[in-house]
Each structure stands twice: as C-alpha cells, then as structure tokens.
Amino acid sequence: MRIVLLLTAAAATLSLAACGSKEPEAPAVENNVVEVPEDLAPVNETLPPENVVNEVAPAVPPPAFTDDEQMRDDADATGLTARLPRNDSEAPVANEGAAAQR
C-alpha cells in the first residue's frame, strides 16, 4: 500500500512539475533589409550591340567507331587490356593495343 501511495505521489509531482514549466519566448525577429531609394539604385545604361557576328568554326564531328572499337579503345585507355605473365619470374607483356596506336 505504501508503494502505491509513494508512486502516485511521485507521478503527481512529476506531472505538476512538467506542466509548470514555460518555454522561453523566442527573440523578436529584426528586419535588416535596407530600402534603397530609386535614384540611388544602379542602372545599366549601356545597350547591347545589335549585330553580333559569330566567328567560331563549326565543330568537327567525332570519328565514327563501332561499339567493339569503342570498347577496346576505352579498355586500352584505362589499362584493362594489359596482360600479366603466368609465372612470377617473367616481366609483364606490354599492352599491344596501345603500342599499335602509337
């Protein structure tokens, strides 16, 4: 019986303590925006040129590769076609695809 009375009193104390606390008020938000008078606002008075000549040559289309040629070229560029020797005593074989292109 004493435990029930003690737990009830503790629960009542905690609930009253929780209800009595107030959240702190948030500080007032200040407006830091400064109004610029229209006579002081910057104005772009220069006009763009009317006739702009584009003197750039058209781009040259890239050479056409088949899918297999493109895959081999990418593999050669990243070193994925390098051959490794089966024995540790031999030196690695050079990349044949890269040598043929040079």
Protein backbone atom coordinates (compact mmCIF):
# COMPACT_ATOMS: atom_id res chain seq x y z
CA MET A 1 0.00 0.00 0.00
CA ARG A 2 2.82 2.36 0.80
CA ILE A 3 4.47 1.71 -2.56
CA VAL A 4 1.26 2.57 -4.44
CA LEU A 5 0.86 5.78 -2.43
CA LEU A 6 4.53 6.70 -2.99
CA LEU A 7 4.33 6.03 -6.75
CA THR A 8 1.11 8.05 -7.03
CA ALA A 9 2.67 10.97 -5.20
CA ALA A 10 5.79 10.80 -7.41
CA ALA A 11 3.67 10.72 -10.58
CA ALA A 12 1.60 13.68 -9.40
CA THR A 13 4.74 15.65 -8.54
CA LEU A 14 6.31 14.95 -11.92
CA SER A 15 3.15 15.87 -13.84
CA LEU A 16 2.80 19.15 -11.91
CA ALA A 17 6.46 19.94 -12.46
CA ALA A 18 6.11 19.33 -16.19
CA CYS A 19 3.01 21.50 -16.51
CA GLY A 20 4.50 24.44 -14.65
CA SER A 21 7.49 25.00 -16.95
CA LYS A 22 7.14 27.65 -19.62
CA GLU A 23 9.03 27.67 -22.85
CA PRO A 24 11.32 30.66 -23.21
CA GLU A 25 10.00 33.29 -25.57
CA ALA A 26 11.68 33.45 -28.96
CA PRO A 27 13.62 36.66 -29.57
CA ALA A 28 11.91 39.17 -31.81
CA VAL A 29 12.96 38.94 -35.45
CA GLU A 30 14.52 42.11 -36.72
CA ASN A 31 14.18 43.28 -40.28
CA ASN A 32 17.68 44.07 -41.53
CA VAL A 33 16.59 44.96 -45.06
CA VAL A 34 17.57 48.45 -46.11
CA GLU A 35 15.36 50.17 -48.64
CA VAL A 36 17.42 51.77 -51.44
CA PRO A 37 15.88 54.88 -52.96
CA GLU A 38 15.25 54.59 -56.70
CA ASP A 39 17.55 57.48 -57.54
CA LEU A 40 20.48 55.65 -55.88
CA ALA A 41 19.79 52.21 -57.38
CA PRO A 42 22.33 51.14 -60.05
CA VAL A 43 21.05 51.24 -63.61
CA ASN A 44 22.60 49.55 -66.64
CA GLU A 45 22.54 52.26 -69.28
CA THR A 46 24.67 50.51 -71.90
CA LEU A 47 22.81 48.86 -74.74
CA PRO A 48 23.91 45.52 -76.16
CA PRO A 49 25.34 45.56 -79.69
CA GLU A 50 22.71 44.92 -82.32
CA ASN A 51 24.75 42.78 -84.73
CA VAL A 52 26.91 40.15 -83.11
CA VAL A 53 28.98 38.10 -85.54
CA ASN A 54 29.75 34.53 -84.55
CA GLU A 55 33.19 33.79 -85.94
CA VAL A 56 33.53 30.32 -84.45
CA ALA A 57 34.05 27.49 -86.91
CA PRO A 58 31.54 24.65 -86.70
CA ALA A 59 32.64 21.70 -84.62
CA VAL A 60 34.19 18.76 -86.42
CA PRO A 61 32.14 15.61 -85.82
CA PRO A 62 34.00 12.92 -83.88
CA PRO A 63 35.22 9.91 -85.87
CA ALA A 64 32.72 7.08 -86.08
CA PHE A 65 33.65 3.98 -84.07
CA THR A 66 31.87 0.69 -83.92
CA ASP A 67 30.81 -0.47 -80.47
CA ASP A 68 33.61 -3.02 -80.38
CA GLU A 69 36.25 -0.45 -81.39
CA GLN A 70 34.98 1.98 -78.76
CA MET A 71 35.05 -0.71 -76.06
CA ARG A 72 38.62 -1.70 -76.96
CA ASP A 73 39.73 1.94 -77.06
CA ASP A 74 38.23 2.58 -73.61
CA ALA A 75 39.82 -0.58 -72.25
CA ASP A 76 43.23 0.40 -73.67
CA ALA A 77 42.93 3.88 -72.19
CA THR A 78 42.19 2.54 -68.71
CA GLY A 79 44.75 -0.26 -68.86
CA LEU A 80 42.23 -3.08 -68.70
CA THR A 81 43.83 -4.95 -71.59
CA ALA A 82 47.28 -5.36 -70.00
CA ARG A 83 48.46 -8.96 -69.95
CA LEU A 84 50.06 -10.41 -66.86
CA PRO A 85 52.51 -13.30 -67.04
CA ARG A 86 51.52 -16.70 -65.70
CA ASN A 87 54.86 -17.06 -63.86
CA ASP A 88 56.23 -14.55 -61.38
CA SER A 89 59.68 -14.72 -63.00
CA GLU A 90 58.56 -13.21 -66.33
CA ALA A 91 58.11 -9.49 -66.93
CA PRO A 92 54.61 -8.24 -67.82
CA VAL A 93 53.81 -8.13 -71.53
CA ALA A 94 53.26 -4.61 -72.88
CA ASN A 95 49.79 -3.57 -73.93
CA GLU A 96 49.61 -4.47 -77.62
CA GLY A 97 46.65 -2.19 -78.39
CA ALA A 98 48.37 0.92 -77.06
CA ALA A 99 51.61 0.09 -78.87
CA ALA A 100 49.80 -0.34 -82.19
CA GLN A 101 48.14 3.07 -81.89
CA ARG A 102 51.42 4.96 -81.35
